[in-house]
Amino acid sequence: MLFVFAVVMSVVTILTVILFRKTKKFETINYEDKLSLKEEMKLLVENKNYIYVAVASSCNINFFLTFSTIVGQILFYFDFNVETTAYTGLVYEVSGIPGAVAVAIFLIKTKKYIFASHLINIGTLICIFLFTLVIYFHNTPALYCVMMLMGVINLSIFSVSYEFAVEVAHPVSEAMSSGLINLLAMA
C-alpha cells in the first residue's frame, strides 16, 4: 500500500515539475456582469492552466484524505498499539493547521503558487519515504515527528490548491473553481 502511495506521489511530483513552468502574468479581466454557470464551466474547461492545477491539486487532496483515513490501519498492521495510532492521527491533523495558515499567508504576500506546489509535492514524497522507514523500524518518537512534518506539509495543499485555482481561473467565481477541485478529489 505504501508503495502505491510513493508511486502516485512520484508521478504527481514529476508531472507538477514538468507542467508548472514559469507562466506568463495572469491577465485581469474586468467583468461587470456575473457569469452564468454554463459560462463559468465553459471558461474552466477551456482554460488549460486551470485543468493542470485542478488535476494536480485534486490528486494531492485525494492523497491527503486517503492517507488520513488509512494511517491507523497501516500502523495497526505494523503492530503499533491503539494509543499510538490515535495520537499519530491527532498529531497529523492538528500539526497541519498552523502549516496551512503559514502557507496561506506566504501565498497572499508572495503569490508563488508554483514554488509552494513544488515544495509540498517534494516534501510529501520525502515524508512518505520517512514514514515507511520509521514504521519499518518501529520507532514511535520518530513516527510522531514524521507525522507532524507530514501534517504541516500535506494540509497546506488546500491553501495552495484553492488560491492557485482562483488565480488561474480569474473571471470564474472562487466557489466554482475550488468546488470543481473538491469534486475531482472525491471522484
C-alpha atoms as a PDB file:
ATOM      1  CA  MET A   1       0.000   0.000   0.000  1.00  0.00           C
ATOM      2  CA  LEU A   2       2.783   2.434   0.848  1.00  0.00           C
ATOM      3  CA  PHE A   3       4.488   1.592  -2.409  1.00  0.00           C
ATOM      4  CA  VAL A   4       1.338   2.678  -4.255  1.00  0.00           C
ATOM      5  CA  PHE A   5       1.336   5.996  -2.368  1.00  0.00           C
ATOM      6  CA  ALA A   6       5.005   6.516  -3.181  1.00  0.00           C
ATOM      7  CA  VAL A   7       4.445   5.816  -6.869  1.00  0.00           C
ATOM      8  CA  VAL A   8       1.419   8.120  -7.062  1.00  0.00           C
ATOM      9  CA  MET A   9       3.215  10.969  -5.281  1.00  0.00           C
ATOM     10  CA  SER A  10       6.283  10.470  -7.502  1.00  0.00           C
ATOM     11  CA  VAL A  11       4.164  10.711 -10.646  1.00  0.00           C
ATOM     12  CA  VAL A  12       2.307  13.785  -9.361  1.00  0.00           C
ATOM     13  CA  THR A  13       5.579  15.450  -8.364  1.00  0.00           C
ATOM     14  CA  ILE A  14       7.190  14.787 -11.731  1.00  0.00           C
ATOM     15  CA  LEU A  15       4.118  15.991 -13.633  1.00  0.00           C
ATOM     16  CA  THR A  16       3.920  19.109 -11.469  1.00  0.00           C
ATOM     17  CA  VAL A  17       7.538  19.986 -12.126  1.00  0.00           C
ATOM     18  CA  ILE A  18       7.124  19.402 -15.864  1.00  0.00           C
ATOM     19  CA  LEU A  19       3.758  21.122 -16.343  1.00  0.00           C
ATOM     20  CA  PHE A  20       4.088  24.075 -13.983  1.00  0.00           C
ATOM     21  CA  ARG A  21       6.910  26.012 -15.534  1.00  0.00           C
ATOM     22  CA  LYS A  22       7.148  29.741 -15.185  1.00  0.00           C
ATOM     23  CA  THR A  23       3.953  31.100 -16.607  1.00  0.00           C
ATOM     24  CA  LYS A  24       3.163  34.458 -18.054  1.00  0.00           C
ATOM     25  CA  LYS A  25       1.456  37.062 -15.928  1.00  0.00           C
ATOM     26  CA  PHE A  26      -2.195  36.394 -15.410  1.00  0.00           C
ATOM     27  CA  GLU A  27      -4.454  38.855 -17.165  1.00  0.00           C
ATOM     28  CA  THR A  28      -7.062  40.590 -15.096  1.00  0.00           C
ATOM     29  CA  ILE A  29     -10.347  40.783 -16.929  1.00  0.00           C
ATOM     30  CA  ASN A  30     -12.961  43.117 -15.574  1.00  0.00           C
ATOM     31  CA  TYR A  31     -16.427  41.640 -15.916  1.00  0.00           C
ATOM     32  CA  GLU A  32     -19.328  43.864 -14.989  1.00  0.00           C
ATOM     33  CA  ASP A  33     -21.959  41.140 -15.226  1.00  0.00           C
ATOM     34  CA  LYS A  34     -21.977  37.945 -13.239  1.00  0.00           C
ATOM     35  CA  LEU A  35     -21.244  34.866 -15.353  1.00  0.00           C
ATOM     36  CA  SER A  36     -23.783  32.083 -15.619  1.00  0.00           C
ATOM     37  CA  LEU A  37     -22.995  28.530 -14.544  1.00  0.00           C
ATOM     38  CA  LYS A  38     -22.705  27.444 -18.165  1.00  0.00           C
ATOM     39  CA  GLU A  39     -20.304  30.297 -18.970  1.00  0.00           C
ATOM     40  CA  GLU A  40     -18.173  29.549 -15.922  1.00  0.00           C
ATOM     41  CA  MET A  41     -17.937  25.851 -16.752  1.00  0.00           C
ATOM     42  CA  LYS A  42     -17.040  26.659 -20.354  1.00  0.00           C
ATOM     43  CA  LEU A  43     -14.271  29.021 -19.218  1.00  0.00           C
ATOM     44  CA  LEU A  44     -12.881  26.416 -16.818  1.00  0.00           C
ATOM     45  CA  VAL A  45     -12.890  23.588 -19.343  1.00  0.00           C
ATOM     46  CA  GLU A  46     -11.164  25.764 -21.961  1.00  0.00           C
ATOM     47  CA  ASN A  47      -8.541  27.035 -19.507  1.00  0.00           C
ATOM     48  CA  LYS A  48      -5.513  24.717 -19.896  1.00  0.00           C
ATOM     49  CA  ASN A  49      -3.732  26.136 -16.844  1.00  0.00           C
ATOM     50  CA  TYR A  50      -6.787  25.560 -14.684  1.00  0.00           C
ATOM     51  CA  ILE A  51      -7.052  21.952 -15.870  1.00  0.00           C
ATOM     52  CA  TYR A  52      -3.411  21.329 -14.883  1.00  0.00           C
ATOM     53  CA  VAL A  53      -3.950  22.931 -11.480  1.00  0.00           C
ATOM     54  CA  ALA A  54      -7.222  21.080 -10.904  1.00  0.00           C
ATOM     55  CA  VAL A  55      -5.826  17.648 -11.746  1.00  0.00           C
ATOM     56  CA  ALA A  56      -2.616  18.066  -9.726  1.00  0.00           C
ATOM     57  CA  SER A  57      -4.430  19.622  -6.771  1.00  0.00           C
ATOM     58  CA  SER A  58      -7.175  17.036  -6.722  1.00  0.00           C
ATOM     59  CA  CYS A  59      -4.562  14.245  -6.712  1.00  0.00           C
ATOM     60  CA  ASN A  60      -2.791  15.887  -3.774  1.00  0.00           C
ATOM     61  CA  ILE A  61      -6.007  16.486  -1.856  1.00  0.00           C
ATOM     62  CA  ASN A  62      -7.103  12.924  -2.566  1.00  0.00           C
ATOM     63  CA  PHE A  63      -3.794  11.668  -1.183  1.00  0.00           C
ATOM     64  CA  PHE A  64      -4.261  13.721   1.980  1.00  0.00           C
ATOM     65  CA  LEU A  65      -7.801  12.461   2.523  1.00  0.00           C
ATOM     66  CA  THR A  66      -6.913   8.841   1.758  1.00  0.00           C
ATOM     67  CA  PHE A  67      -3.808   8.835   3.921  1.00  0.00           C
ATOM     68  CA  SER A  68      -5.713  10.449   6.794  1.00  0.00           C
ATOM     69  CA  THR A  69      -8.271   7.679   6.544  1.00  0.00           C
ATOM     70  CA  ILE A  70      -5.952   4.673   6.411  1.00  0.00           C
ATOM     71  CA  VAL A  71      -2.968   5.734   8.518  1.00  0.00           C
ATOM     72  CA  GLY A  72      -4.477   3.949  11.512  1.00  0.00           C
ATOM     73  CA  GLN A  73      -4.842   0.691   9.616  1.00  0.00           C
ATOM     74  CA  ILE A  74      -1.262   0.961   8.333  1.00  0.00           C
ATOM     75  CA  LEU A  75       0.085   1.459  11.846  1.00  0.00           C
ATOM     76  CA  PHE A  76      -2.086  -1.318  13.252  1.00  0.00           C
ATOM     77  CA  TYR A  77      -0.715  -3.672  10.593  1.00  0.00           C
ATOM     78  CA  PHE A  78       2.843  -2.845  11.736  1.00  0.00           C
ATOM     79  CA  ASP A  79       1.947  -3.692  15.363  1.00  0.00           C
ATOM     80  CA  PHE A  80       1.668  -0.195  16.787  1.00  0.00           C
ATOM     81  CA  ASN A  81      -0.754  -0.050  19.706  1.00  0.00           C
ATOM     82  CA  VAL A  82      -4.130   1.690  19.578  1.00  0.00           C
ATOM     83  CA  GLU A  83      -2.967   4.637  21.683  1.00  0.00           C
ATOM     84  CA  THR A  84      -0.008   5.353  19.395  1.00  0.00           C
ATOM     85  CA  THR A  85      -2.240   5.066  16.365  1.00  0.00           C
ATOM     86  CA  ALA A  86      -4.749   7.538  17.809  1.00  0.00           C
ATOM     87  CA  TYR A  87      -2.090  10.062  18.814  1.00  0.00           C
ATOM     88  CA  THR A  88      -0.407   9.739  15.434  1.00  0.00           C
ATOM     89  CA  GLY A  89      -3.609  10.680  13.634  1.00  0.00           C
ATOM     90  CA  LEU A  90      -4.145  13.562  16.032  1.00  0.00           C
ATOM     91  CA  VAL A  91      -0.621  14.869  15.524  1.00  0.00           C
ATOM     92  CA  TYR A  92      -1.010  14.574  11.757  1.00  0.00           C
ATOM     93  CA  GLU A  93      -4.251  16.549  11.624  1.00  0.00           C
ATOM     94  CA  VAL A  94      -3.526  19.166  14.303  1.00  0.00           C
ATOM     95  CA  SER A  95       0.006  19.973  13.140  1.00  0.00           C
ATOM     96  CA  GLY A  96      -1.324  20.693   9.680  1.00  0.00           C
ATOM     97  CA  ILE A  97      -3.410  23.669  10.795  1.00  0.00           C
ATOM     98  CA  PRO A  98      -0.510  26.063  11.548  1.00  0.00           C
ATOM     99  CA  GLY A  99       1.225  24.870   8.387  1.00  0.00           C
ATOM    100  CA  ALA A 100      -1.830  25.654   6.264  1.00  0.00           C
ATOM    101  CA  VAL A 101      -2.168  29.100   7.849  1.00  0.00           C
ATOM    102  CA  ALA A 102       1.535  29.847   7.303  1.00  0.00           C
ATOM    103  CA  VAL A 103       1.370  28.768   3.659  1.00  0.00           C
ATOM    104  CA  ALA A 104      -1.793  30.829   3.098  1.00  0.00           C
ATOM    105  CA  ILE A 105      -0.072  33.922   4.484  1.00  0.00           C
ATOM    106  CA  PHE A 106       3.002  33.188   2.345  1.00  0.00           C
ATOM    107  CA  LEU A 107       0.833  32.867  -0.780  1.00  0.00           C
ATOM    108  CA  ILE A 108      -1.061  36.084  -0.092  1.00  0.00           C
ATOM    109  CA  LYS A 109       2.183  38.017   0.287  1.00  0.00           C
ATOM    110  CA  THR A 110       4.285  36.449  -2.482  1.00  0.00           C
ATOM    111  CA  LYS A 111       1.894  34.796  -4.997  1.00  0.00           C
ATOM    112  CA  LYS A 112       4.457  31.995  -5.511  1.00  0.00           C
ATOM    113  CA  TYR A 113       1.942  29.218  -6.116  1.00  0.00           C
ATOM    114  CA  ILE A 114       4.151  27.078  -8.321  1.00  0.00           C
ATOM    115  CA  PHE A 115       7.039  27.189  -5.860  1.00  0.00           C
ATOM    116  CA  ALA A 116       4.718  26.251  -2.979  1.00  0.00           C
ATOM    117  CA  SER A 117       3.195  23.431  -5.023  1.00  0.00           C
ATOM    118  CA  HIS A 118       6.618  22.004  -5.867  1.00  0.00           C
ATOM    119  CA  LEU A 119       7.725  22.290  -2.261  1.00  0.00           C
ATOM    120  CA  ILE A 120       4.617  20.495  -0.983  1.00  0.00           C
ATOM    121  CA  ASN A 121       4.874  17.693  -3.536  1.00  0.00           C
ATOM    122  CA  ILE A 122       8.556  17.072  -2.906  1.00  0.00           C
ATOM    123  CA  GLY A 123       8.043  17.363   0.864  1.00  0.00           C
ATOM    124  CA  THR A 124       5.185  14.845   0.755  1.00  0.00           C
ATOM    125  CA  LEU A 125       7.276  12.420  -1.236  1.00  0.00           C
ATOM    126  CA  ILE A 126      10.136  12.686   1.257  1.00  0.00           C
ATOM    127  CA  CYS A 127       7.721  12.300   4.190  1.00  0.00           C
ATOM    128  CA  ILE A 128       6.218   9.136   2.701  1.00  0.00           C
ATOM    129  CA  PHE A 129       9.663   7.576   2.438  1.00  0.00           C
ATOM    130  CA  LEU A 130      10.489   8.669   6.013  1.00  0.00           C
ATOM    131  CA  PHE A 131       7.152   7.299   7.224  1.00  0.00           C
ATOM    132  CA  THR A 132       7.911   3.971   5.578  1.00  0.00           C
ATOM    133  CA  LEU A 133      11.327   3.781   7.255  1.00  0.00           C
ATOM    134  CA  VAL A 134      10.001   4.803  10.662  1.00  0.00           C
ATOM    135  CA  ILE A 135       7.209   2.235  10.725  1.00  0.00           C
ATOM    136  CA  TYR A 136       9.559  -0.441   9.446  1.00  0.00           C
ATOM    137  CA  PHE A 137      11.965   0.211  12.358  1.00  0.00           C
ATOM    138  CA  HIS A 138       9.023   0.692  14.767  1.00  0.00           C
ATOM    139  CA  ASN A 139      10.323   3.972  16.228  1.00  0.00           C
ATOM    140  CA  THR A 140       7.403   5.748  17.927  1.00  0.00           C
ATOM    141  CA  PRO A 141       9.043   9.134  18.729  1.00  0.00           C
ATOM    142  CA  ALA A 142      10.344   9.405  15.176  1.00  0.00           C
ATOM    143  CA  LEU A 143       6.870   8.433  13.933  1.00  0.00           C
ATOM    144  CA  TYR A 144       5.344  11.397  15.783  1.00  0.00           C
ATOM    145  CA  CYS A 145       7.959  13.745  14.301  1.00  0.00           C
ATOM    146  CA  VAL A 146       7.436  12.480  10.762  1.00  0.00           C
ATOM    147  CA  MET A 147       3.661  12.676  11.118  1.00  0.00           C
ATOM    148  CA  MET A 148       3.932  16.227  12.423  1.00  0.00           C
ATOM    149  CA  LEU A 149       6.057  17.234   9.439  1.00  0.00           C
ATOM    150  CA  MET A 150       3.763  15.383   7.067  1.00  0.00           C
ATOM    151  CA  GLY A 151       0.706  17.109   8.523  1.00  0.00           C
ATOM    152  CA  VAL A 152       2.278  20.552   8.113  1.00  0.00           C
ATOM    153  CA  ILE A 153       3.163  19.789   4.514  1.00  0.00           C
ATOM    154  CA  ASN A 154       0.053  17.885   3.437  1.00  0.00           C
ATOM    155  CA  LEU A 155      -2.652  20.094   4.892  1.00  0.00           C
ATOM    156  CA  SER A 156      -1.019  23.084   3.213  1.00  0.00           C
ATOM    157  CA  ILE A 157      -2.057  21.717  -0.176  1.00  0.00           C
ATOM    158  CA  PHE A 158      -5.571  23.042   0.419  1.00  0.00           C
ATOM    159  CA  SER A 159      -4.310  26.632   0.638  1.00  0.00           C
ATOM    160  CA  VAL A 160      -2.139  26.271  -2.443  1.00  0.00           C
ATOM    161  CA  SER A 161      -4.798  24.474  -4.478  1.00  0.00           C
ATOM    162  CA  TYR A 162      -7.609  26.899  -3.838  1.00  0.00           C
ATOM    163  CA  GLU A 163      -5.556  30.075  -4.144  1.00  0.00           C
ATOM    164  CA  PHE A 164      -3.809  28.907  -7.312  1.00  0.00           C
ATOM    165  CA  ALA A 165      -7.068  27.743  -8.881  1.00  0.00           C
ATOM    166  CA  VAL A 166      -8.709  31.091  -8.181  1.00  0.00           C
ATOM    167  CA  GLU A 167      -5.720  32.880  -9.689  1.00  0.00           C
ATOM    168  CA  VAL A 168      -5.649  30.937 -12.970  1.00  0.00           C
ATOM    169  CA  ALA A 169      -9.434  30.836 -13.370  1.00  0.00           C
ATOM    170  CA  HIS A 170      -9.906  34.545 -12.688  1.00  0.00           C
ATOM    171  CA  PRO A 171     -13.244  35.533 -14.150  1.00  0.00           C
ATOM    172  CA  VAL A 172     -14.791  32.362 -12.730  1.00  0.00           C
ATOM    173  CA  SER A 173     -16.033  32.551  -9.146  1.00  0.00           C
ATOM    174  CA  GLU A 174     -13.932  31.164  -6.312  1.00  0.00           C
ATOM    175  CA  ALA A 175     -16.680  28.767  -5.319  1.00  0.00           C
ATOM    176  CA  MET A 176     -16.807  27.236  -8.788  1.00  0.00           C
ATOM    177  CA  SER A 177     -13.041  26.833  -9.257  1.00  0.00           C
ATOM    178  CA  SER A 178     -12.456  25.449  -5.745  1.00  0.00           C
ATOM    179  CA  GLY A 179     -15.610  23.332  -5.797  1.00  0.00           C
ATOM    180  CA  LEU A 180     -14.564  21.614  -9.003  1.00  0.00           C
ATOM    181  CA  ILE A 181     -11.210  20.723  -7.424  1.00  0.00           C
ATOM    182  CA  ASN A 182     -13.063  19.185  -4.463  1.00  0.00           C
ATOM    183  CA  LEU A 183     -15.316  17.282  -6.840  1.00  0.00           C
ATOM    184  CA  LEU A 184     -12.313  15.878  -8.711  1.00  0.00           C
ATOM    185  CA  ALA A 185     -10.596  14.950  -5.426  1.00  0.00           C
ATOM    186  CA  MET A 186     -13.630  12.961  -4.313  1.00  0.00           C
ATOM    187  CA  ALA A 187     -14.023  11.147  -7.638  1.00  0.00           C
END
